[in-house]
PDB file of N, CA and C in Angstrom:
ATOM      1  N   MET A   1    -152.957  87.662  13.543  1.00  0.00           N
ATOM      2  CA  MET A   1    -151.827  86.762  13.514  1.00  0.00           C
ATOM      3  C   MET A   1    -150.619  87.531  14.023  1.00  0.00           C
ATOM      4  N   GLU A   2    -149.917  86.964  14.966  1.00  0.00           N
ATOM      5  CA  GLU A   2    -148.727  87.578  15.530  1.00  0.00           C
ATOM      6  C   GLU A   2    -147.522  86.683  15.288  1.00  0.00           C
ATOM      7  N   ASN A   3    -146.506  87.216  14.668  1.00  0.00           N
ATOM      8  CA  ASN A   3    -145.253  86.464  14.422  1.00  0.00           C
ATOM      9  C   ASN A   3    -145.512  85.123  13.738  1.00  0.00           C
ATOM     10  N   GLY A   4    -146.430  85.107  12.788  1.00  0.00           N
ATOM     11  CA  GLY A   4    -146.725  83.865  12.076  1.00  0.00           C
ATOM     12  C   GLY A   4    -147.586  82.901  12.859  1.00  0.00           C
ATOM     13  N   GLN A   5    -148.046  83.288  14.048  1.00  0.00           N
ATOM     14  CA  GLN A   5    -148.889  82.440  14.889  1.00  0.00           C
ATOM     15  C   GLN A   5    -150.283  83.054  14.980  1.00  0.00           C
ATOM     16  N   TYR A   6    -151.287  82.207  15.013  1.00  0.00           N
ATOM     17  CA  TYR A   6    -152.645  82.691  15.189  1.00  0.00           C
ATOM     18  C   TYR A   6    -152.864  83.030  16.651  1.00  0.00           C
ATOM     19  N   LYS A   7    -153.540  84.132  16.903  1.00  0.00           N
ATOM     20  CA  LYS A   7    -153.840  84.550  18.259  1.00  0.00           C
ATOM     21  C   LYS A   7    -155.153  83.914  18.697  1.00  0.00           C
ATOM     22  N   LYS A   8    -155.165  83.303  19.887  1.00  0.00           N
ATOM     23  CA  LYS A   8    -156.368  82.672  20.413  1.00  0.00           C
ATOM     24  C   LYS A   8    -157.331  83.757  20.879  1.00  0.00           C
ATOM     25  N   LEU A   9    -158.578  83.611  20.477  1.00  0.00           N
ATOM     26  CA  LEU A   9    -159.617  84.544  20.899  1.00  0.00           C
ATOM     27  C   LEU A   9    -160.376  83.944  22.069  1.00  0.00           C
ATOM     28  N   ASP A  10    -160.723  84.764  23.036  1.00  0.00           N
ATOM     29  CA  ASP A  10    -161.469  84.314  24.198  1.00  0.00           C
ATOM     30  C   ASP A  10    -162.929  84.738  24.075  1.00  0.00           C
ATOM     31  N   GLY A  11    -163.792  84.011  24.743  1.00  0.00           N
ATOM     32  CA  GLY A  11    -165.203  84.369  24.769  1.00  0.00           C
ATOM     33  C   GLY A  11    -166.059  83.370  24.020  1.00  0.00           C
ATOM     34  N   LYS A  12    -167.355  83.354  24.371  1.00  0.00           N
ATOM     35  CA  LYS A  12    -168.294  82.415  23.750  1.00  0.00           C
ATOM     36  C   LYS A  12    -168.508  82.702  22.272  1.00  0.00           C
ATOM     37  N   ASP A  13    -168.423  83.972  21.888  1.00  0.00           N
ATOM     38  CA  ASP A  13    -168.660  84.318  20.487  1.00  0.00           C
ATOM     39  C   ASP A  13    -167.438  84.083  19.602  1.00  0.00           C
ATOM     40  N   ALA A  14    -166.370  83.526  20.173  1.00  0.00           N
ATOM     41  CA  ALA A  14    -165.161  83.236  19.409  1.00  0.00           C
ATOM     42  C   ALA A  14    -165.103  81.766  18.991  1.00  0.00           C
ATOM     43  N   VAL A  15    -166.159  81.014  19.287  1.00  0.00           N
ATOM     44  CA  VAL A  15    -166.199  79.589  18.968  1.00  0.00           C
ATOM     45  C   VAL A  15    -167.409  79.344  18.072  1.00  0.00           C
ATOM     46  N   THR A  16    -167.245  78.475  17.092  1.00  0.00           N
ATOM     47  CA  THR A  16    -168.363  78.133  16.218  1.00  0.00           C
ATOM     48  C   THR A  16    -168.312  76.662  15.871  1.00  0.00           C
ATOM     49  N   ARG A  17    -169.419  76.138  15.405  1.00  0.00           N
ATOM     50  CA  ARG A  17    -169.498  74.749  14.952  1.00  0.00           C
ATOM     51  C   ARG A  17    -169.859  74.758  13.475  1.00  0.00           C
ATOM     52  N   VAL A  18    -169.172  73.959  12.693  1.00  0.00           N
ATOM     53  CA  VAL A  18    -169.427  73.860  11.263  1.00  0.00           C
ATOM     54  C   VAL A  18    -169.943  72.458  10.971  1.00  0.00           C
ATOM     55  N   THR A  19    -171.059  72.380  10.275  1.00  0.00           N
ATOM     56  CA  THR A  19    -171.619  71.097   9.864  1.00  0.00           C
ATOM     57  C   THR A  19    -171.525  71.000   8.349  1.00  0.00           C
ATOM     58  N   ILE A  20    -170.862  69.969   7.865  1.00  0.00           N
ATOM     59  CA  ILE A  20    -170.704  69.762   6.429  1.00  0.00           C
ATOM     60  C   ILE A  20    -171.789  68.783   5.983  1.00  0.00           C
ATOM     61  N   ILE A  21    -172.616  69.231   5.080  1.00  0.00           N
ATOM     62  CA  ILE A  21    -173.715  68.413   4.580  1.00  0.00           C
ATOM     63  C   ILE A  21    -173.298  67.778   3.259  1.00  0.00           C
ATOM     64  N   ASP A  22    -173.537  66.481   3.134  1.00  0.00           N
ATOM     65  CA  ASP A  22    -173.241  65.789   1.885  1.00  0.00           C
ATOM     66  C   ASP A  22    -174.325  66.142   0.877  1.00  0.00           C
ATOM     67  N   ASP A  23    -174.066  67.175   0.078  1.00  0.00           N
ATOM     68  CA  ASP A  23    -175.063  67.628  -0.893  1.00  0.00           C
ATOM     69  C   ASP A  23    -174.621  67.343  -2.323  1.00  0.00           C
ATOM     70  N   ASP A  24    -173.716  66.373  -2.478  1.00  0.00           N
ATOM     71  CA  ASP A  24    -173.180  66.066  -3.800  1.00  0.00           C
ATOM     72  C   ASP A  24    -174.097  65.167  -4.623  1.00  0.00           C
ATOM     73  N   LYS A  25    -175.221  64.793  -4.064  1.00  0.00           N
ATOM     74  CA  LYS A  25    -176.152  63.917  -4.771  1.00  0.00           C
ATOM     75  C   LYS A  25    -177.457  64.662  -5.001  1.00  0.00           C
ATOM     76  N   PRO A  26    -178.231  64.258  -6.004  1.00  0.00           N
ATOM     77  CA  PRO A  26    -179.478  64.968  -6.277  1.00  0.00           C
ATOM     78  C   PRO A  26    -180.554  64.725  -5.225  1.00  0.00           C
ATOM     79  N   GLY A  27    -180.470  63.650  -4.472  1.00  0.00           N
ATOM     80  CA  GLY A  27    -181.469  63.356  -3.455  1.00  0.00           C
ATOM     81  C   GLY A  27    -182.598  62.497  -3.996  1.00  0.00           C
ATOM     82  N   GLN A  28    -183.612  62.310  -3.162  1.00  0.00           N
ATOM     83  CA  GLN A  28    -184.781  61.527  -3.545  1.00  0.00           C
ATOM     84  C   GLN A  28    -186.015  62.415  -3.417  1.00  0.00           C
ATOM     85  N   ILE A  29    -187.024  62.087  -4.183  1.00  0.00           N
ATOM     86  CA  ILE A  29    -188.279  62.817  -4.160  1.00  0.00           C
ATOM     87  C   ILE A  29    -189.315  61.978  -3.412  1.00  0.00           C
ATOM     88  N   TYR A  30    -190.009  62.616  -2.479  1.00  0.00           N
ATOM     89  CA  TYR A  30    -191.035  61.961  -1.671  1.00  0.00           C
ATOM     90  C   TYR A  30    -192.332  62.753  -1.753  1.00  0.00           C
ATOM     91  N   PHE A  31    -193.446  62.066  -1.585  1.00  0.00           N
ATOM     92  CA  PHE A  31    -194.711  62.753  -1.412  1.00  0.00           C
ATOM     93  C   PHE A  31    -194.747  63.318   0.000  1.00  0.00           C
ATOM     94  N   GLU A  32    -195.186  64.565   0.140  1.00  0.00           N
ATOM     95  CA  GLU A  32    -195.295  65.155   1.473  1.00  0.00           C
ATOM     96  C   GLU A  32    -196.367  64.449   2.289  1.00  0.00           C
ATOM     97  N   ALA A  33    -197.506  64.147   1.676  1.00  0.00           N
ATOM     98  CA  ALA A  33    -198.591  63.441   2.360  1.00  0.00           C
ATOM     99  C   ALA A  33    -198.286  61.945   2.365  1.00  0.00           C
ATOM    100  N   THR A  34    -198.507  61.314   3.489  1.00  0.00           N
ATOM    101  CA  THR A  34    -198.239  59.875   3.578  1.00  0.00           C
ATOM    102  C   THR A  34    -199.515  59.048   3.465  1.00  0.00           C
ATOM    103  N   LYS A  35    -200.642  59.708   3.372  1.00  0.00           N
ATOM    104  CA  LYS A  35    -201.928  59.019   3.212  1.00  0.00           C
ATOM    105  C   LYS A  35    -202.385  59.146   1.762  1.00  0.00           C
ATOM    106  N   ASN A  36    -203.461  58.478   1.419  1.00  0.00           N
ATOM    107  CA  ASN A  36    -204.021  58.571   0.067  1.00  0.00           C
ATOM    108  C   ASN A  36    -204.426  60.006  -0.243  1.00  0.00           C
ATOM    109  N   ILE A  37    -204.163  60.427  -1.446  1.00  0.00           N
ATOM    110  CA  ILE A  37    -204.557  61.756  -1.898  1.00  0.00           C
ATOM    111  C   ILE A  37    -205.767  61.584  -2.796  1.00  0.00           C
ATOM    112  N   LYS A  38    -206.844  62.302  -2.482  1.00  0.00           N
ATOM    113  CA  LYS A  38    -208.073  62.189  -3.267  1.00  0.00           C
ATOM    114  C   LYS A  38    -208.388  63.540  -3.886  1.00  0.00           C
ATOM    115  N   ALA A  39    -208.929  63.483  -5.089  1.00  0.00           N
ATOM    116  CA  ALA A  39    -209.324  64.706  -5.790  1.00  0.00           C
ATOM    117  C   ALA A  39    -210.686  64.466  -6.432  1.00  0.00           C
ATOM    118  N   ILE A  40    -211.440  65.523  -6.546  1.00  0.00           N
ATOM    119  CA  ILE A  40    -212.746  65.450  -7.201  1.00  0.00           C
ATOM    120  C   ILE A  40    -212.524  65.488  -8.712  1.00  0.00           C
ATOM    121  N   ALA A  41    -213.137  64.569  -9.431  1.00  0.00           N
ATOM    122  CA  ALA A  41    -212.906  64.421 -10.871  1.00  0.00           C
ATOM    123  C   ALA A  41    -213.258  65.668 -11.668  1.00  0.00           C
ATOM    124  N   THR A  42    -214.212  66.449 -11.195  1.00  0.00           N
ATOM    125  CA  THR A  42    -214.615  67.649 -11.935  1.00  0.00           C
ATOM    126  C   THR A  42    -213.723  68.860 -11.657  1.00  0.00           C
ATOM    127  N   ASP A  43    -212.825  68.764 -10.671  1.00  0.00           N
ATOM    128  CA  ASP A  43    -211.892  69.867 -10.397  1.00  0.00           C
ATOM    129  C   ASP A  43    -210.866  69.972 -11.514  1.00  0.00           C
ATOM    130  N   SER A  44    -210.447  71.179 -11.796  1.00  0.00           N
ATOM    131  CA  SER A  44    -209.482  71.382 -12.882  1.00  0.00           C
ATOM    132  C   SER A  44    -208.038  71.205 -12.427  1.00  0.00           C
ATOM    133  N   GLU A  45    -207.808  71.177 -11.114  1.00  0.00           N
ATOM    134  CA  GLU A  45    -206.438  70.970 -10.641  1.00  0.00           C
ATOM    135  C   GLU A  45    -206.435  70.322  -9.267  1.00  0.00           C
ATOM    136  N   CYS A  46    -205.307  69.723  -8.947  1.00  0.00           N
ATOM    137  CA  CYS A  46    -205.088  69.092  -7.648  1.00  0.00           C
ATOM    138  C   CYS A  46    -203.625  69.336  -7.280  1.00  0.00           C
ATOM    139  N   VAL A  47    -203.390  69.901  -6.112  1.00  0.00           N
ATOM    140  CA  VAL A  47    -202.019  70.198  -5.682  1.00  0.00           C
ATOM    141  C   VAL A  47    -201.500  69.024  -4.856  1.00  0.00           C
ATOM    142  N   ILE A  48    -200.370  68.478  -5.276  1.00  0.00           N
ATOM    143  CA  ILE A  48    -199.712  67.391  -4.562  1.00  0.00           C
ATOM    144  C   ILE A  48    -198.282  67.846  -4.287  1.00  0.00           C
ATOM    145  N   ASN A  49    -197.959  68.029  -3.020  1.00  0.00           N
ATOM    146  CA  ASN A  49    -196.633  68.531  -2.647  1.00  0.00           C
ATOM    147  C   ASN A  49    -195.610  67.406  -2.605  1.00  0.00           C
ATOM    148  N   LEU A  50    -194.431  67.695  -3.136  1.00  0.00           N
ATOM    149  CA  LEU A  50    -193.311  66.766  -3.123  1.00  0.00           C
ATOM    150  C   LEU A  50    -192.183  67.368  -2.301  1.00  0.00           C
ATOM    151  N   LEU A  51    -191.369  66.512  -1.709  1.00  0.00           N
ATOM    152  CA  LEU A  51    -190.218  66.945  -0.935  1.00  0.00           C
ATOM    153  C   LEU A  51    -188.956  66.339  -1.519  1.00  0.00           C
ATOM    154  N   ARG A  52    -187.892  67.094  -1.472  1.00  0.00           N
ATOM    155  CA  ARG A  52    -186.577  66.611  -1.901  1.00  0.00           C
ATOM    156  C   ARG A  52    -185.747  66.404  -0.653  1.00  0.00           C
ATOM    157  N   LYS A  53    -185.269  65.171  -0.442  1.00  0.00           N
ATOM    158  CA  LYS A  53    -184.497  64.845   0.760  1.00  0.00           C
ATOM    159  C   LYS A  53    -183.170  64.208   0.387  1.00  0.00           C
ATOM    160  N   ASN A  54    -182.217  64.314   1.282  1.00  0.00           N
ATOM    161  CA  ASN A  54    -180.912  63.642   1.187  1.00  0.00           C
ATOM    162  C   ASN A  54    -180.108  64.067  -0.030  1.00  0.00           C
ATOM    163  N   GLY A  55    -180.089  65.335  -0.318  1.00  0.00           N
ATOM    164  CA  GLY A  55    -179.280  65.852  -1.407  1.00  0.00           C
ATOM    165  C   GLY A  55    -179.835  67.157  -1.923  1.00  0.00           C
ATOM    166  N   SER A  56    -178.991  67.894  -2.598  1.00  0.00           N
ATOM    167  CA  SER A  56    -179.456  69.172  -3.148  1.00  0.00           C
ATOM    168  C   SER A  56    -178.639  69.599  -4.362  1.00  0.00           C
ATOM    169  N   ASP A  57    -177.865  68.694  -4.917  1.00  0.00           N
ATOM    170  CA  ASP A  57    -176.999  69.058  -6.030  1.00  0.00           C
ATOM    171  C   ASP A  57    -177.704  68.798  -7.356  1.00  0.00           C
ATOM    172  N   GLY A  58    -177.764  69.803  -8.187  1.00  0.00           N
ATOM    173  CA  GLY A  58    -178.301  69.632  -9.523  1.00  0.00           C
ATOM    174  C   GLY A  58    -179.803  69.807  -9.608  1.00  0.00           C
ATOM    175  N   ILE A  59    -180.289  69.689 -10.816  1.00  0.00           N
ATOM    176  CA  ILE A  59    -181.706  69.840 -11.115  1.00  0.00           C
ATOM    177  C   ILE A  59    -182.365  68.476 -11.052  1.00  0.00           C
ATOM    178  N   VAL A  60    -183.523  68.410 -10.434  1.00  0.00           N
ATOM    179  CA  VAL A  60    -184.281  67.166 -10.329  1.00  0.00           C
ATOM    180  C   VAL A  60    -185.593  67.356 -11.074  1.00  0.00           C
ATOM    181  N   THR A  61    -185.967  66.373 -11.875  1.00  0.00           N
ATOM    182  CA  THR A  61    -187.255  66.422 -12.559  1.00  0.00           C
ATOM    183  C   THR A  61    -188.080  65.204 -12.125  1.00  0.00           C
ATOM    184  N   VAL A  62    -189.381  65.339 -12.233  1.00  0.00           N
ATOM    185  CA  VAL A  62    -190.287  64.260 -11.863  1.00  0.00           C
ATOM    186  C   VAL A  62    -191.231  64.023 -13.026  1.00  0.00           C
ATOM    187  N   ASP A  63    -191.235  62.815 -13.559  1.00  0.00           N
ATOM    188  CA  ASP A  63    -192.192  62.431 -14.581  1.00  0.00           C
ATOM    189  C   ASP A  63    -193.426  61.856 -13.889  1.00  0.00           C
ATOM    190  N   TYR A  64    -194.609  62.194 -14.395  1.00  0.00           N
ATOM    191  CA  TYR A  64    -195.818  61.706 -13.752  1.00  0.00           C
ATOM    192  C   TYR A  64    -196.927  61.525 -14.794  1.00  0.00           C
ATOM    193  N   ILE A  65    -197.910  60.720 -14.426  1.00  0.00           N
ATOM    194  CA  ILE A  65    -199.120  60.565 -15.226  1.00  0.00           C
ATOM    195  C   ILE A  65    -200.308  60.632 -14.281  1.00  0.00           C
ATOM    196  N   THR A  66    -201.458  60.969 -14.808  1.00  0.00           N
ATOM    197  CA  THR A  66    -202.675  60.929 -14.004  1.00  0.00           C
ATOM    198  C   THR A  66    -203.615  59.893 -14.600  1.00  0.00           C
ATOM    199  N   LYS A  67    -204.379  59.263 -13.745  1.00  0.00           N
ATOM    200  CA  LYS A  67    -205.324  58.229 -14.196  1.00  0.00           C
ATOM    201  C   LYS A  67    -206.681  58.523 -13.623  1.00  0.00           C
TER     202      LYS A  67
END
């Protein structure tokens, strides 16, 4: 800063772009797979991946049941 004025910087590395993401909401939970998920009844576990979209603020929990 010179005499209370900001000095302009030259060059490609003197410019940047800032993207502000609206992350003030918890978002929504989606299944990663869009097709039916099948599991063998005798297996002791089944991994089902979930995705969090359109937000990132706070803790999100998912209640579920198996049938």
